[in-house]
Protein backbone atom coordinates (compact mmCIF):
# COMPACT_ATOMS: atom_id res chain seq x y z
CA MET A 1 -0.59 -3.52 -4.79
CA SER A 2 -3.10 -1.01 -6.14
CA HIS A 3 -6.83 -0.35 -6.34
CA HIS A 4 -8.39 -0.70 -9.79
CA CYS A 5 -11.32 1.45 -10.91
CA SER A 6 -13.20 -0.20 -13.76
CA GLU A 7 -14.91 3.11 -14.67
CA CYS A 8 -11.75 5.19 -15.06
CA LEU A 9 -9.47 2.27 -15.97
CA VAL A 10 -6.85 3.50 -13.50
CA ASN A 11 -4.88 1.60 -10.88
CA TRP A 12 -4.67 3.95 -7.87
CA TRP A 13 -2.16 3.96 -5.04
CA PRO A 14 -3.69 2.75 -1.75
CA HIS A 15 -3.31 6.18 -0.08
CA GLN A 16 -5.31 7.84 -2.88
CA ILE A 17 -8.46 5.80 -2.30
CA ASP A 18 -11.29 7.24 -0.20
CA HIS A 19 -12.80 4.29 1.73
CA GLY A 20 -12.64 2.01 -1.32
CA HIS A 21 -13.92 4.59 -3.80
CA CYS A 22 -12.18 6.10 -6.80
CA PRO A 23 -11.05 9.70 -6.22
CA ALA A 24 -11.95 10.69 -9.78
CA CYS A 25 -15.44 9.23 -10.32
CA GLY A 26 -16.49 7.81 -6.93
CA ALA A 27 -16.99 4.26 -8.21
CA ALA A 28 -15.98 1.28 -6.10
CA THR A 29 -12.45 -0.05 -6.55
CA VAL A 30 -11.03 -3.55 -6.38
CA CYS A 31 -7.66 -4.45 -4.81
CA THR A 32 -5.19 -5.85 -7.33
CA HIS A 33 -1.57 -6.97 -7.26
CA GLU A 34 -0.77 -4.86 -10.30
CA PRO A 35 1.39 -1.74 -10.04
CA PRO A 36 -0.34 1.65 -9.90
CA SER A 37 -0.89 3.42 -13.22
CA ASP A 38 1.88 5.73 -14.41
CA ASP A 39 -0.47 8.72 -14.42
CA ALA A 40 -2.21 7.92 -11.10
CA ASP A 41 -0.45 10.75 -9.25
CA THR A 42 -1.34 13.33 -11.90
CA LEU A 43 -4.96 12.16 -12.14
CA TYR A 44 -5.23 12.21 -8.34
CA ARG A 45 -4.03 15.80 -8.18
CA ILE A 46 -6.51 16.81 -10.88
CA ALA A 47 -9.39 15.04 -9.11
CA ARG A 48 -8.42 16.59 -5.76
CA ASP A 49 -8.21 20.10 -7.27
CA GLU A 50 -11.56 19.72 -9.05
CA ALA A 51 -13.21 18.56 -5.81
CA SER A 52 -11.75 21.53 -3.97
CA SER A 53 -13.02 23.87 -6.68
CA ARG A 54 -16.53 22.36 -6.53
CA HIS A 55 -16.51 22.73 -2.74
CA ALA A 56 -15.45 26.39 -2.90
CA TYR A 57 -18.00 27.16 -5.64
CA ALA A 58 -20.80 25.57 -3.58
CA HIS A 59 -19.92 27.79 -0.61
CA PHE A 60 -19.76 30.83 -2.91
CA GLU A 61 -23.23 30.09 -4.28
CA LEU A 62 -24.63 29.50 -0.80
CA TYR A 63 -23.18 32.79 0.47
CA TYR A 64 -24.62 34.84 -2.38
CA ALA A 65 -27.99 33.10 -2.21
CA GLU A 66 -28.22 34.16 1.45
CA TYR A 67 -26.98 37.65 0.55
CA GLU A 68 -29.66 38.09 -2.13
CA ARG A 69 -32.39 36.83 0.21
CA ALA A 70 -31.37 39.37 2.85
CA ALA A 71 -31.43 42.27 0.37
């Protein structure tokens, strides 16, 4: 069983899905009885790392915006 994202054309493992949404693009997924895609693990790691990077960059920008306002 997997979760299919019609935007990314990937069948994700059930533990990779965030409340029914694709980890790569955020689109809704549909449960299927097909096996997960061969590259689902690699794509999941890439999506997770990119999200972490965006999160860190947002905090960096917020910190320096406050720093510049205080100066």
